[in-house]
PDB file of all heavy atoms in Angstrom:
ATOM      1  N   PHE A   1     -18.686   3.175   5.342  1.00  0.00           N
ATOM      2  CA  PHE A   1     -19.808   2.357   5.318  1.00  0.00           C
ATOM      3  C   PHE A   1     -21.069   2.838   4.422  1.00  0.00           C
ATOM      4  O   PHE A   1     -21.812   2.118   3.992  1.00  0.00           O
ATOM      5  CB  PHE A   1     -20.314   2.070   6.704  1.00  0.00           C
ATOM      6  CG  PHE A   1     -19.461   1.168   7.445  1.00  0.00           C
ATOM      7  CD1 PHE A   1     -18.492   1.612   8.369  1.00  0.00           C
ATOM      8  CD2 PHE A   1     -19.436  -0.192   7.349  1.00  0.00           C
ATOM      9  CE1 PHE A   1     -17.600   0.892   9.087  1.00  0.00           C
ATOM     10  CE2 PHE A   1     -18.521  -1.129   8.023  1.00  0.00           C
ATOM     11  CZ  PHE A   1     -17.736  -0.534   8.930  1.00  0.00           C
ATOM     12  N   ASP A   2     -21.093   4.173   4.268  1.00  0.00           N
ATOM     13  CA  ASP A   2     -22.180   4.667   3.488  1.00  0.00           C
ATOM     14  C   ASP A   2     -21.771   4.541   2.016  1.00  0.00           C
ATOM     15  O   ASP A   2     -20.681   4.869   1.539  1.00  0.00           O
ATOM     16  CB  ASP A   2     -22.342   6.186   3.710  1.00  0.00           C
ATOM     17  CG  ASP A   2     -23.488   6.843   3.128  1.00  0.00           C
ATOM     18  OD1 ASP A   2     -23.887   6.415   2.019  1.00  0.00           O
ATOM     19  OD2 ASP A   2     -24.089   7.754   3.623  1.00  0.00           O
ATOM     20  N   PRO A   3     -22.686   3.895   1.230  1.00  0.00           N
ATOM     21  CA  PRO A   3     -22.257   3.501  -0.213  1.00  0.00           C
ATOM     22  C   PRO A   3     -22.028   4.809  -1.054  1.00  0.00           C
ATOM     23  O   PRO A   3     -21.513   4.612  -2.095  1.00  0.00           O
ATOM     24  CB  PRO A   3     -23.515   2.778  -0.696  1.00  0.00           C
ATOM     25  CG  PRO A   3     -24.617   3.147   0.201  1.00  0.00           C
ATOM     26  CD  PRO A   3     -23.997   3.363   1.553  1.00  0.00           C
ATOM     27  N   LYS A   4     -22.453   5.933  -0.624  1.00  0.00           N
ATOM     28  CA  LYS A   4     -22.245   7.110  -1.492  1.00  0.00           C
ATOM     29  C   LYS A   4     -20.656   7.629  -1.274  1.00  0.00           C
ATOM     30  O   LYS A   4     -20.234   8.415  -2.183  1.00  0.00           O
ATOM     31  CB  LYS A   4     -23.109   8.342  -1.128  1.00  0.00           C
ATOM     32  CG  LYS A   4     -22.656   9.102   0.101  1.00  0.00           C
ATOM     33  CD  LYS A   4     -23.695  10.226   0.375  1.00  0.00           C
ATOM     34  CE  LYS A   4     -23.356  11.068   1.570  1.00  0.00           C
ATOM     35  NZ  LYS A   4     -24.233  12.188   1.776  1.00  0.00           N
ATOM     36  N   HIS A   5     -19.973   7.031  -0.290  1.00  0.00           N
ATOM     37  CA  HIS A   5     -18.606   7.292  -0.170  1.00  0.00           C
ATOM     38  C   HIS A   5     -17.746   6.204  -0.681  1.00  0.00           C
ATOM     39  O   HIS A   5     -18.345   5.061  -0.920  1.00  0.00           O
ATOM     40  CB  HIS A   5     -18.304   7.619   1.274  1.00  0.00           C
ATOM     41  CG  HIS A   5     -19.013   8.796   1.801  1.00  0.00           C
ATOM     42  ND1 HIS A   5     -18.851  10.069   1.320  1.00  0.00           N
ATOM     43  CD2 HIS A   5     -20.016   8.973   2.772  1.00  0.00           C
ATOM     44  CE1 HIS A   5     -19.635  10.953   1.964  1.00  0.00           C
ATOM     45  NE2 HIS A   5     -20.350  10.339   2.796  1.00  0.00           N
ATOM     46  N   ALA A   6     -16.473   6.325  -0.767  1.00  0.00           N
ATOM     47  CA  ALA A   6     -15.569   5.255  -1.302  1.00  0.00           C
ATOM     48  C   ALA A   6     -14.276   5.196  -0.433  1.00  0.00           C
ATOM     49  O   ALA A   6     -13.186   5.053  -0.952  1.00  0.00           O
ATOM     50  CB  ALA A   6     -15.234   5.549  -2.728  1.00  0.00           C
ATOM     51  N   GLY A   7     -14.444   5.328   0.847  1.00  0.00           N
ATOM     52  CA  GLY A   7     -13.298   5.334   1.751  1.00  0.00           C
ATOM     53  C   GLY A   7     -12.408   4.003   1.775  1.00  0.00           C
ATOM     54  O   GLY A   7     -11.302   3.964   2.172  1.00  0.00           O
ATOM     55  N   ASN A   8     -13.091   2.957   1.320  1.00  0.00           N
ATOM     56  CA  ASN A   8     -12.334   1.683   1.347  1.00  0.00           C
ATOM     57  C   ASN A   8     -11.703   1.352   0.029  1.00  0.00           C
ATOM     58  O   ASN A   8     -10.931   0.351  -0.092  1.00  0.00           O
ATOM     59  CB  ASN A   8     -13.398   0.500   1.607  1.00  0.00           C
ATOM     60  CG  ASN A   8     -13.826   0.542   3.059  1.00  0.00           C
ATOM     61  OD1 ASN A   8     -13.151   0.640   4.088  1.00  0.00           O
ATOM     62  ND2 ASN A   8     -15.205   0.416   3.292  1.00  0.00           N
ATOM     63  N   GLU A   9     -11.835   2.185  -0.956  1.00  0.00           N
ATOM     64  CA  GLU A   9     -11.215   1.936  -2.289  1.00  0.00           C
ATOM     65  C   GLU A   9      -9.817   2.458  -2.337  1.00  0.00           C
ATOM     66  O   GLU A   9      -9.647   3.546  -2.956  1.00  0.00           O
ATOM     67  CB  GLU A   9     -12.146   2.461  -3.410  1.00  0.00           C
ATOM     68  CG  GLU A   9     -13.558   1.711  -3.329  1.00  0.00           C
ATOM     69  CD  GLU A   9     -14.540   2.328  -4.431  1.00  0.00           C
ATOM     70  OE1 GLU A   9     -14.013   3.100  -5.248  1.00  0.00           O
ATOM     71  OE2 GLU A   9     -15.701   2.073  -4.339  1.00  0.00           O
ATOM     72  N   LEU A  10      -8.935   1.630  -1.766  1.00  0.00           N
ATOM     73  CA  LEU A  10      -7.477   2.253  -1.642  1.00  0.00           C
ATOM     74  C   LEU A  10      -6.493   1.333  -2.306  1.00  0.00           C
ATOM     75  O   LEU A  10      -5.297   1.517  -2.120  1.00  0.00           O
ATOM     76  CB  LEU A  10      -7.099   2.282  -0.131  1.00  0.00           C
ATOM     77  CG  LEU A  10      -8.026   3.149   0.730  1.00  0.00           C
ATOM     78  CD1 LEU A  10      -7.620   3.049   2.167  1.00  0.00           C
ATOM     79  CD2 LEU A  10      -7.921   4.633   0.252  1.00  0.00           C
ATOM     80  N   GLY A  11      -6.981   0.453  -3.223  1.00  0.00           N
ATOM     81  CA  GLY A  11      -6.095  -0.405  -3.921  1.00  0.00           C
ATOM     82  C   GLY A  11      -5.153   0.223  -4.848  1.00  0.00           C
ATOM     83  O   GLY A  11      -5.465   1.323  -5.307  1.00  0.00           O
ATOM     84  N   ILE A  12      -4.127  -0.436  -5.165  1.00  0.00           N
ATOM     85  CA  ILE A  12      -3.109   0.131  -6.120  1.00  0.00           C
ATOM     86  C   ILE A  12      -2.542  -1.117  -6.928  1.00  0.00           C
ATOM     87  O   ILE A  12      -2.301  -2.189  -6.195  1.00  0.00           O
ATOM     88  CB  ILE A  12      -1.882   0.898  -5.455  1.00  0.00           C
ATOM     89  CG1 ILE A  12      -1.057   1.418  -6.552  1.00  0.00           C
ATOM     90  CG2 ILE A  12      -1.141   0.101  -4.463  1.00  0.00           C
ATOM     91  CD1 ILE A  12       0.003   2.417  -5.973  1.00  0.00           C
ATOM     92  N   THR A  13      -2.442  -0.946  -8.164  1.00  0.00           N
ATOM     93  CA  THR A  13      -1.980  -2.243  -8.977  1.00  0.00           C
ATOM     94  C   THR A  13      -0.455  -2.184  -9.105  1.00  0.00           C
ATOM     95  O   THR A  13       0.151  -1.117  -8.868  1.00  0.00           O
ATOM     96  CB  THR A  13      -2.679  -2.200 -10.324  1.00  0.00           C
ATOM     97  OG1 THR A  13      -2.167  -1.070 -11.131  1.00  0.00           O
ATOM     98  CG2 THR A  13      -4.126  -2.118 -10.279  1.00  0.00           C
ATOM     99  N   VAL A  14       0.046  -3.377  -9.520  1.00  0.00           N
ATOM    100  CA  VAL A  14       1.453  -3.413  -9.777  1.00  0.00           C
ATOM    101  C   VAL A  14       1.859  -2.369 -10.935  1.00  0.00           C
ATOM    102  O   VAL A  14       2.926  -1.707 -10.836  1.00  0.00           O
ATOM    103  CB  VAL A  14       1.919  -4.814 -10.202  1.00  0.00           C
ATOM    104  CG1 VAL A  14       3.286  -4.825 -10.763  1.00  0.00           C
ATOM    105  CG2 VAL A  14       1.724  -5.894  -9.035  1.00  0.00           C
ATOM    106  N   GLU A  15       0.975  -2.303 -11.895  1.00  0.00           N
ATOM    107  CA  GLU A  15       1.321  -1.387 -12.970  1.00  0.00           C
ATOM    108  C   GLU A  15       1.300   0.023 -12.552  1.00  0.00           C
ATOM    109  O   GLU A  15       2.282   0.856 -12.920  1.00  0.00           O
ATOM    110  CB  GLU A  15       0.238  -1.513 -14.149  1.00  0.00           C
ATOM    111  CG  GLU A  15       0.231  -2.851 -14.814  1.00  0.00           C
ATOM    112  CD  GLU A  15      -0.177  -3.994 -14.067  1.00  0.00           C
ATOM    113  OE1 GLU A  15      -1.043  -3.848 -12.987  1.00  0.00           O
ATOM    114  OE2 GLU A  15       0.115  -5.158 -14.420  1.00  0.00           O
ATOM    115  N   GLN A  16       0.444   0.502 -11.651  1.00  0.00           N
ATOM    116  CA  GLN A  16       0.447   1.849 -11.167  1.00  0.00           C
ATOM    117  C   GLN A  16       1.682   2.102 -10.282  1.00  0.00           C
ATOM    118  O   GLN A  16       2.398   3.062 -10.369  1.00  0.00           O
ATOM    119  CB  GLN A  16      -0.774   2.060 -10.187  1.00  0.00           C
ATOM    120  CG  GLN A  16      -2.059   2.230 -10.871  1.00  0.00           C
ATOM    121  CD  GLN A  16      -3.179   2.384  -9.814  1.00  0.00           C
ATOM    122  OE1 GLN A  16      -3.543   1.378  -9.292  1.00  0.00           O
ATOM    123  NE2 GLN A  16      -3.681   3.584  -9.680  1.00  0.00           N
ATOM    124  N   ALA A  17       2.012   1.138  -9.375  1.00  0.00           N
ATOM    125  CA  ALA A  17       3.163   1.280  -8.459  1.00  0.00           C
ATOM    126  C   ALA A  17       4.396   1.357  -9.334  1.00  0.00           C
ATOM    127  O   ALA A  17       5.354   2.124  -8.941  1.00  0.00           O
ATOM    128  CB  ALA A  17       3.235   0.237  -7.463  1.00  0.00           C
ATOM    129  N   SER A  18       4.614   0.598 -10.325  1.00  0.00           N
ATOM    130  CA  SER A  18       5.839   0.520 -11.086  1.00  0.00           C
ATOM    131  C   SER A  18       6.141   1.785 -11.838  1.00  0.00           C
ATOM    132  O   SER A  18       7.201   2.079 -12.299  1.00  0.00           O
ATOM    133  CB  SER A  18       5.729  -0.635 -12.004  1.00  0.00           C
ATOM    134  OG  SER A  18       4.819  -0.474 -13.099  1.00  0.00           O
ATOM    135  N   ARG A  19       5.119   2.562 -11.982  1.00  0.00           N
ATOM    136  CA  ARG A  19       5.255   3.898 -12.668  1.00  0.00           C
ATOM    137  C   ARG A  19       5.673   5.028 -11.795  1.00  0.00           C
ATOM    138  O   ARG A  19       5.908   6.138 -12.288  1.00  0.00           O
ATOM    139  CB  ARG A  19       4.043   4.319 -13.479  1.00  0.00           C
ATOM    140  CG  ARG A  19       3.716   3.326 -14.640  1.00  0.00           C
ATOM    141  CD  ARG A  19       2.630   3.963 -15.526  1.00  0.00           C
ATOM    142  NE  ARG A  19       1.353   4.155 -14.888  1.00  0.00           N
ATOM    143  CZ  ARG A  19       0.316   3.236 -14.925  1.00  0.00           C
ATOM    144  NH1 ARG A  19       0.511   2.085 -15.519  1.00  0.00           N
ATOM    145  NH2 ARG A  19      -0.746   3.516 -14.204  1.00  0.00           N
ATOM    146  N   ILE A  20       5.629   4.817 -10.440  1.00  0.00           N
ATOM    147  CA  ILE A  20       5.942   5.838  -9.583  1.00  0.00           C
ATOM    148  C   ILE A  20       7.514   5.776  -9.258  1.00  0.00           C
ATOM    149  O   ILE A  20       7.958   4.996  -8.560  1.00  0.00           O
ATOM    150  CB  ILE A  20       5.156   5.636  -8.233  1.00  0.00           C
ATOM    151  CG1 ILE A  20       3.673   5.684  -8.526  1.00  0.00           C
ATOM    152  CG2 ILE A  20       5.505   6.678  -7.043  1.00  0.00           C
ATOM    153  CD1 ILE A  20       2.767   5.264  -7.358  1.00  0.00           C
ATOM    154  N   THR A  21       8.162   6.830  -9.776  1.00  0.00           N
ATOM    155  CA  THR A  21       9.547   6.779  -9.711  1.00  0.00           C
ATOM    156  C   THR A  21      10.167   7.673  -8.673  1.00  0.00           C
ATOM    157  O   THR A  21      11.391   7.859  -8.434  1.00  0.00           O
ATOM    158  CB  THR A  21      10.127   7.185 -11.105  1.00  0.00           C
ATOM    159  OG1 THR A  21       9.691   8.614 -11.380  1.00  0.00           O
ATOM    160  CG2 THR A  21       9.757   6.364 -12.153  1.00  0.00           C
ATOM    161  N   VAL A  22       9.281   8.367  -7.825  1.00  0.00           N
ATOM    162  CA  VAL A  22       9.771   9.210  -6.789  1.00  0.00           C
ATOM    163  C   VAL A  22      10.531   8.397  -5.756  1.00  0.00           C
ATOM    164  O   VAL A  22      10.073   7.227  -5.328  1.00  0.00           O
ATOM    165  CB  VAL A  22       8.579   9.910  -5.964  1.00  0.00           C
ATOM    166  CG1 VAL A  22       8.898  10.686  -4.750  1.00  0.00           C
ATOM    167  CG2 VAL A  22       7.772  10.837  -6.962  1.00  0.00           C
ATOM    168  N   PRO A  23      11.769   8.795  -5.279  1.00  0.00           N
ATOM    169  CA  PRO A  23      12.453   8.105  -4.385  1.00  0.00           C
ATOM    170  C   PRO A  23      11.660   7.821  -3.047  1.00  0.00           C
ATOM    171  O   PRO A  23      11.111   8.772  -2.573  1.00  0.00           O
ATOM    172  CB  PRO A  23      13.668   8.974  -4.028  1.00  0.00           C
ATOM    173  CG  PRO A  23      13.837   9.838  -5.284  1.00  0.00           C
ATOM    174  CD  PRO A  23      12.529  10.026  -5.871  1.00  0.00           C
ATOM    175  N   SER A  24      11.684   6.636  -2.536  1.00  0.00           N
ATOM    176  CA  SER A  24      10.718   6.287  -1.461  1.00  0.00           C
ATOM    177  C   SER A  24      11.492   5.423  -0.476  1.00  0.00           C
ATOM    178  O   SER A  24      12.261   4.585  -0.796  1.00  0.00           O
ATOM    179  CB  SER A  24       9.565   5.549  -1.934  1.00  0.00           C
ATOM    180  OG  SER A  24       8.815   6.255  -3.022  1.00  0.00           O
ATOM    181  N   LEU A  25      11.189   5.656   0.839  1.00  0.00           N
ATOM    182  CA  LEU A  25      11.617   4.950   1.900  1.00  0.00           C
ATOM    183  C   LEU A  25      10.329   4.254   2.647  1.00  0.00           C
ATOM    184  O   LEU A  25       9.498   5.020   3.063  1.00  0.00           O
ATOM    185  CB  LEU A  25      12.359   5.665   2.954  1.00  0.00           C
ATOM    186  CG  LEU A  25      12.752   4.996   4.336  1.00  0.00           C
ATOM    187  CD1 LEU A  25      13.708   3.804   4.019  1.00  0.00           C
ATOM    188  CD2 LEU A  25      13.328   5.965   5.288  1.00  0.00           C
ATOM    189  N   LEU A  26      10.369   2.944   2.612  1.00  0.00           N
ATOM    190  CA  LEU A  26       9.143   2.306   3.273  1.00  0.00           C
ATOM    191  C   LEU A  26       9.636   1.945   4.613  1.00  0.00           C
ATOM    192  O   LEU A  26      10.707   1.302   4.913  1.00  0.00           O
ATOM    193  CB  LEU A  26       8.847   1.040   2.533  1.00  0.00           C
ATOM    194  CG  LEU A  26       7.905   1.158   1.252  1.00  0.00           C
ATOM    195  CD1 LEU A  26       8.504   2.045   0.249  1.00  0.00           C
ATOM    196  CD2 LEU A  26       7.551  -0.149   0.695  1.00  0.00           C
ATOM    197  N   VAL A  27       8.899   2.275   5.615  1.00  0.00           N
ATOM    198  CA  VAL A  27       9.123   2.040   7.072  1.00  0.00           C
ATOM    199  C   VAL A  27       8.007   1.196   7.559  1.00  0.00           C
ATOM    200  O   VAL A  27       6.826   1.602   7.523  1.00  0.00           O
ATOM    201  CB  VAL A  27       9.286   3.282   7.935  1.00  0.00           C
ATOM    202  CG1 VAL A  27       9.616   2.961   9.327  1.00  0.00           C
ATOM    203  CG2 VAL A  27      10.365   4.147   7.278  1.00  0.00           C
ATOM    204  N   HIS A  28       8.390   0.097   8.225  1.00  0.00           N
ATOM    205  CA  HIS A  28       7.252  -0.820   8.660  1.00  0.00           C
ATOM    206  C   HIS A  28       7.539  -1.554  10.002  1.00  0.00           C
ATOM    207  O   HIS A  28       8.672  -1.829  10.230  1.00  0.00           O
ATOM    208  CB  HIS A  28       6.978  -1.906   7.663  1.00  0.00           C
ATOM    209  CG  HIS A  28       5.455  -2.128   7.333  1.00  0.00           C
ATOM    210  ND1 HIS A  28       4.879  -1.590   6.388  1.00  0.00           N
ATOM    211  CD2 HIS A  28       4.649  -2.955   8.002  1.00  0.00           C
ATOM    212  CE1 HIS A  28       3.550  -1.952   6.391  1.00  0.00           C
ATOM    213  NE2 HIS A  28       3.452  -2.924   7.395  1.00  0.00           N
ATOM    214  N   GLY A  29       6.606  -1.708  10.883  1.00  0.00           N
ATOM    215  CA  GLY A  29       6.774  -2.422  12.068  1.00  0.00           C
ATOM    216  C   GLY A  29       6.616  -3.954  11.784  1.00  0.00           C
ATOM    217  O   GLY A  29       5.657  -4.338  11.046  1.00  0.00           O
ATOM    218  N   ARG A  30       7.558  -4.783  12.229  1.00  0.00           N
ATOM    219  CA  ARG A  30       7.386  -6.196  11.960  1.00  0.00           C
ATOM    220  C   ARG A  30       6.160  -6.831  12.365  1.00  0.00           C
ATOM    221  O   ARG A  30       5.563  -7.797  11.805  1.00  0.00           O
ATOM    222  CB  ARG A  30       8.664  -6.902  12.544  1.00  0.00           C
ATOM    223  CG  ARG A  30       8.751  -8.330  12.055  1.00  0.00           C
ATOM    224  CD  ARG A  30      10.029  -8.977  12.838  1.00  0.00           C
ATOM    225  NE  ARG A  30       9.846  -9.033  14.353  1.00  0.00           N
ATOM    226  CZ  ARG A  30      10.835  -9.294  15.242  1.00  0.00           C
ATOM    227  NH1 ARG A  30      11.988  -9.620  14.740  1.00  0.00           N
ATOM    228  NH2 ARG A  30      10.454  -9.434  16.411  1.00  0.00           N
ATOM    229  N   GLU A  31       5.683  -6.300  13.556  1.00  0.00           N
ATOM    230  CA  GLU A  31       4.375  -6.943  14.081  1.00  0.00           C
ATOM    231  C   GLU A  31       3.131  -6.165  13.698  1.00  0.00           C
ATOM    232  O   GLU A  31       2.118  -6.301  14.379  1.00  0.00           O
ATOM    233  CB  GLU A  31       4.549  -7.053  15.595  1.00  0.00           C
ATOM    234  CG  GLU A  31       5.461  -8.129  16.110  1.00  0.00           C
ATOM    235  CD  GLU A  31       6.944  -7.759  15.959  1.00  0.00           C
ATOM    236  OE1 GLU A  31       7.296  -6.620  15.955  1.00  0.00           O
ATOM    237  OE2 GLU A  31       7.806  -8.752  15.693  1.00  0.00           O
ATOM    238  N   ASP A  32       3.166  -5.413  12.727  1.00  0.00           N
ATOM    239  CA  ASP A  32       1.999  -4.542  12.257  1.00  0.00           C
ATOM    240  C   ASP A  32       0.818  -5.535  11.973  1.00  0.00           C
ATOM    241  O   ASP A  32       0.825  -6.407  11.214  1.00  0.00           O
ATOM    242  CB  ASP A  32       2.387  -3.839  11.041  1.00  0.00           C
ATOM    243  CG  ASP A  32       1.363  -2.753  10.764  1.00  0.00           C
ATOM    244  OD1 ASP A  32       0.114  -2.881  11.007  1.00  0.00           O
ATOM    245  OD2 ASP A  32       1.802  -1.634  10.127  1.00  0.00           O
ATOM    246  N   LYS A  33      -0.405  -5.199  12.719  1.00  0.00           N
ATOM    247  CA  LYS A  33      -1.474  -6.005  12.510  1.00  0.00           C
ATOM    248  C   LYS A  33      -2.529  -5.434  11.705  1.00  0.00           C
ATOM    249  O   LYS A  33      -3.674  -5.992  11.465  1.00  0.00           O
ATOM    250  CB  LYS A  33      -2.114  -6.384  13.938  1.00  0.00           C
ATOM    251  CG  LYS A  33      -1.279  -7.241  14.825  1.00  0.00           C
ATOM    252  CD  LYS A  33      -1.994  -7.506  16.181  1.00  0.00           C
ATOM    253  CE  LYS A  33      -1.144  -8.373  17.119  1.00  0.00           C
ATOM    254  NZ  LYS A  33      -1.735  -8.539  18.395  1.00  0.00           N
ATOM    255  N   VAL A  34      -2.326  -4.121  11.333  1.00  0.00           N
ATOM    256  CA  VAL A  34      -3.251  -3.513  10.489  1.00  0.00           C
ATOM    257  C   VAL A  34      -2.913  -3.566   8.988  1.00  0.00           C
ATOM    258  O   VAL A  34      -3.623  -3.970   8.157  1.00  0.00           O
ATOM    259  CB  VAL A  34      -3.387  -1.937  10.867  1.00  0.00           C
ATOM    260  CG1 VAL A  34      -4.253  -1.166   9.948  1.00  0.00           C
ATOM    261  CG2 VAL A  34      -3.811  -1.810  12.389  1.00  0.00           C
ATOM    262  N   VAL A  35      -1.634  -3.248   8.639  1.00  0.00           N
ATOM    263  CA  VAL A  35      -1.035  -3.423   7.366  1.00  0.00           C
ATOM    264  C   VAL A  35       0.138  -4.456   7.557  1.00  0.00           C
ATOM    265  O   VAL A  35       1.212  -3.945   7.985  1.00  0.00           O
ATOM    266  CB  VAL A  35      -0.661  -2.137   6.803  1.00  0.00           C
ATOM    267  CG1 VAL A  35      -0.070  -2.420   5.375  1.00  0.00           C
ATOM    268  CG2 VAL A  35      -1.839  -1.146   6.629  1.00  0.00           C
ATOM    269  N   PRO A  36       0.063  -5.633   7.108  1.00  0.00           N
ATOM    270  CA  PRO A  36       1.102  -6.584   7.331  1.00  0.00           C
ATOM    271  C   PRO A  36       2.406  -6.256   6.602  1.00  0.00           C
ATOM    272  O   PRO A  36       2.391  -5.481   5.554  1.00  0.00           O
ATOM    273  CB  PRO A  36       0.584  -7.913   6.685  1.00  0.00           C
ATOM    274  CG  PRO A  36      -0.909  -7.736   6.616  1.00  0.00           C
ATOM    275  CD  PRO A  36      -1.213  -6.227   6.466  1.00  0.00           C
ATOM    276  N   LEU A  37       3.525  -6.715   7.226  1.00  0.00           N
ATOM    277  CA  LEU A  37       4.806  -6.429   6.703  1.00  0.00           C
ATOM    278  C   LEU A  37       4.892  -6.871   5.245  1.00  0.00           C
ATOM    279  O   LEU A  37       5.612  -6.188   4.448  1.00  0.00           O
ATOM    280  CB  LEU A  37       5.897  -7.092   7.466  1.00  0.00           C
ATOM    281  CG  LEU A  37       7.254  -7.082   7.024  1.00  0.00           C
ATOM    282  CD1 LEU A  37       7.778  -5.597   6.812  1.00  0.00           C
ATOM    283  CD2 LEU A  37       8.328  -7.831   7.961  1.00  0.00           C
ATOM    284  N   ASP A  38       4.285  -7.962   4.808  1.00  0.00           N
ATOM    285  CA  ASP A  38       4.456  -8.398   3.446  1.00  0.00           C
ATOM    286  C   ASP A  38       3.918  -7.474   2.454  1.00  0.00           C
ATOM    287  O   ASP A  38       4.385  -7.529   1.255  1.00  0.00           O
ATOM    288  CB  ASP A  38       3.903  -9.768   3.280  1.00  0.00           C
ATOM    289  CG  ASP A  38       2.326  -9.866   3.580  1.00  0.00           C
ATOM    290  OD1 ASP A  38       1.803  -8.840   3.674  1.00  0.00           O
ATOM    291  OD2 ASP A  38       1.810 -11.012   3.635  1.00  0.00           O
ATOM    292  N   VAL A  39       3.061  -6.627   2.848  1.00  0.00           N
ATOM    293  CA  VAL A  39       2.740  -5.528   1.908  1.00  0.00           C
ATOM    294  C   VAL A  39       3.861  -4.588   1.474  1.00  0.00           C
ATOM    295  O   VAL A  39       4.109  -4.337   0.303  1.00  0.00           O
ATOM    296  CB  VAL A  39       1.471  -4.696   2.466  1.00  0.00           C
ATOM    297  CG1 VAL A  39       1.170  -3.485   1.552  1.00  0.00           C
ATOM    298  CG2 VAL A  39       0.244  -5.553   2.561  1.00  0.00           C
ATOM    299  N   ALA A  40       4.590  -4.200   2.506  1.00  0.00           N
ATOM    300  CA  ALA A  40       5.784  -3.403   2.250  1.00  0.00           C
ATOM    301  C   ALA A  40       6.912  -4.156   1.483  1.00  0.00           C
ATOM    302  O   ALA A  40       7.585  -3.505   0.597  1.00  0.00           O
ATOM    303  CB  ALA A  40       6.304  -2.859   3.593  1.00  0.00           C
ATOM    304  N   GLN A  41       6.992  -5.418   1.782  1.00  0.00           N
ATOM    305  CA  GLN A  41       7.923  -6.237   1.120  1.00  0.00           C
ATOM    306  C   GLN A  41       7.643  -6.359  -0.400  1.00  0.00           C
ATOM    307  O   GLN A  41       8.489  -6.441  -1.234  1.00  0.00           O
ATOM    308  CB  GLN A  41       8.087  -7.560   1.806  1.00  0.00           C
ATOM    309  CG  GLN A  41       8.753  -7.533   3.153  1.00  0.00           C
ATOM    310  CD  GLN A  41       8.596  -8.766   3.936  1.00  0.00           C
ATOM    311  OE1 GLN A  41       7.698  -9.551   3.791  1.00  0.00           O
ATOM    312  NE2 GLN A  41       9.575  -9.086   4.870  1.00  0.00           N
ATOM    313  N   GLN A  42       6.358  -6.444  -0.641  1.00  0.00           N
ATOM    314  CA  GLN A  42       5.899  -6.450  -2.054  1.00  0.00           C
ATOM    315  C   GLN A  42       6.101  -5.140  -2.567  1.00  0.00           C
ATOM    316  O   GLN A  42       6.636  -5.040  -3.921  1.00  0.00           O
ATOM    317  CB  GLN A  42       4.353  -6.873  -2.118  1.00  0.00           C
ATOM    318  CG  GLN A  42       3.746  -6.792  -3.517  1.00  0.00           C
ATOM    319  CD  GLN A  42       4.164  -7.884  -4.425  1.00  0.00           C
ATOM    320  OE1 GLN A  42       4.992  -8.683  -4.138  1.00  0.00           O
ATOM    321  NE2 GLN A  42       3.523  -8.022  -5.567  1.00  0.00           N
ATOM    322  N   MET A  43       5.819  -4.123  -1.996  1.00  0.00           N
ATOM    323  CA  MET A  43       5.954  -2.750  -2.602  1.00  0.00           C
ATOM    324  C   MET A  43       7.349  -2.317  -2.843  1.00  0.00           C
ATOM    325  O   MET A  43       7.725  -1.701  -3.929  1.00  0.00           O
ATOM    326  CB  MET A  43       5.365  -1.597  -1.674  1.00  0.00           C
ATOM    327  CG  MET A  43       3.853  -1.689  -1.731  1.00  0.00           C
ATOM    328  SD  MET A  43       3.091  -1.102  -3.232  1.00  0.00           S
ATOM    329  CE  MET A  43       3.380   0.522  -3.181  1.00  0.00           C
ATOM    330  N   VAL A  44       8.291  -2.737  -2.049  1.00  0.00           N
ATOM    331  CA  VAL A  44       9.656  -2.456  -2.313  1.00  0.00           C
ATOM    332  C   VAL A  44      10.280  -3.175  -3.542  1.00  0.00           C
ATOM    333  O   VAL A  44      11.258  -2.820  -4.193  1.00  0.00           O
ATOM    334  CB  VAL A  44      10.599  -2.796  -0.999  1.00  0.00           C
ATOM    335  CG1 VAL A  44      10.927  -4.189  -0.917  1.00  0.00           C
ATOM    336  CG2 VAL A  44      11.838  -1.907  -1.021  1.00  0.00           C
ATOM    337  N   ARG A  45       9.594  -4.331  -3.907  1.00  0.00           N
ATOM    338  CA  ARG A  45      10.034  -5.036  -5.147  1.00  0.00           C
ATOM    339  C   ARG A  45       9.398  -4.386  -6.430  1.00  0.00           C
ATOM    340  O   ARG A  45       9.953  -4.481  -7.481  1.00  0.00           O
ATOM    341  CB  ARG A  45       9.545  -6.460  -5.002  1.00  0.00           C
ATOM    342  CG  ARG A  45      10.257  -7.257  -4.134  1.00  0.00           C
ATOM    343  CD  ARG A  45      10.071  -8.753  -4.369  1.00  0.00           C
ATOM    344  NE  ARG A  45       8.698  -9.087  -3.822  1.00  0.00           N
ATOM    345  CZ  ARG A  45       8.437  -9.670  -2.599  1.00  0.00           C
ATOM    346  NH1 ARG A  45       9.441  -9.759  -1.677  1.00  0.00           N
ATOM    347  NH2 ARG A  45       7.196  -9.923  -2.272  1.00  0.00           N
TER     348      ARG A  45
END
């Protein structure tokens, strides 16, 4: 909440993600209310 910090700036673009080639396993709870499942479904694509 303090403007001198940037804790909420956590975005990642399609271009950034598409360049990350490290093998990855996404694990998600279907009923996640904090980070919805569709975020993981988008990332796995």
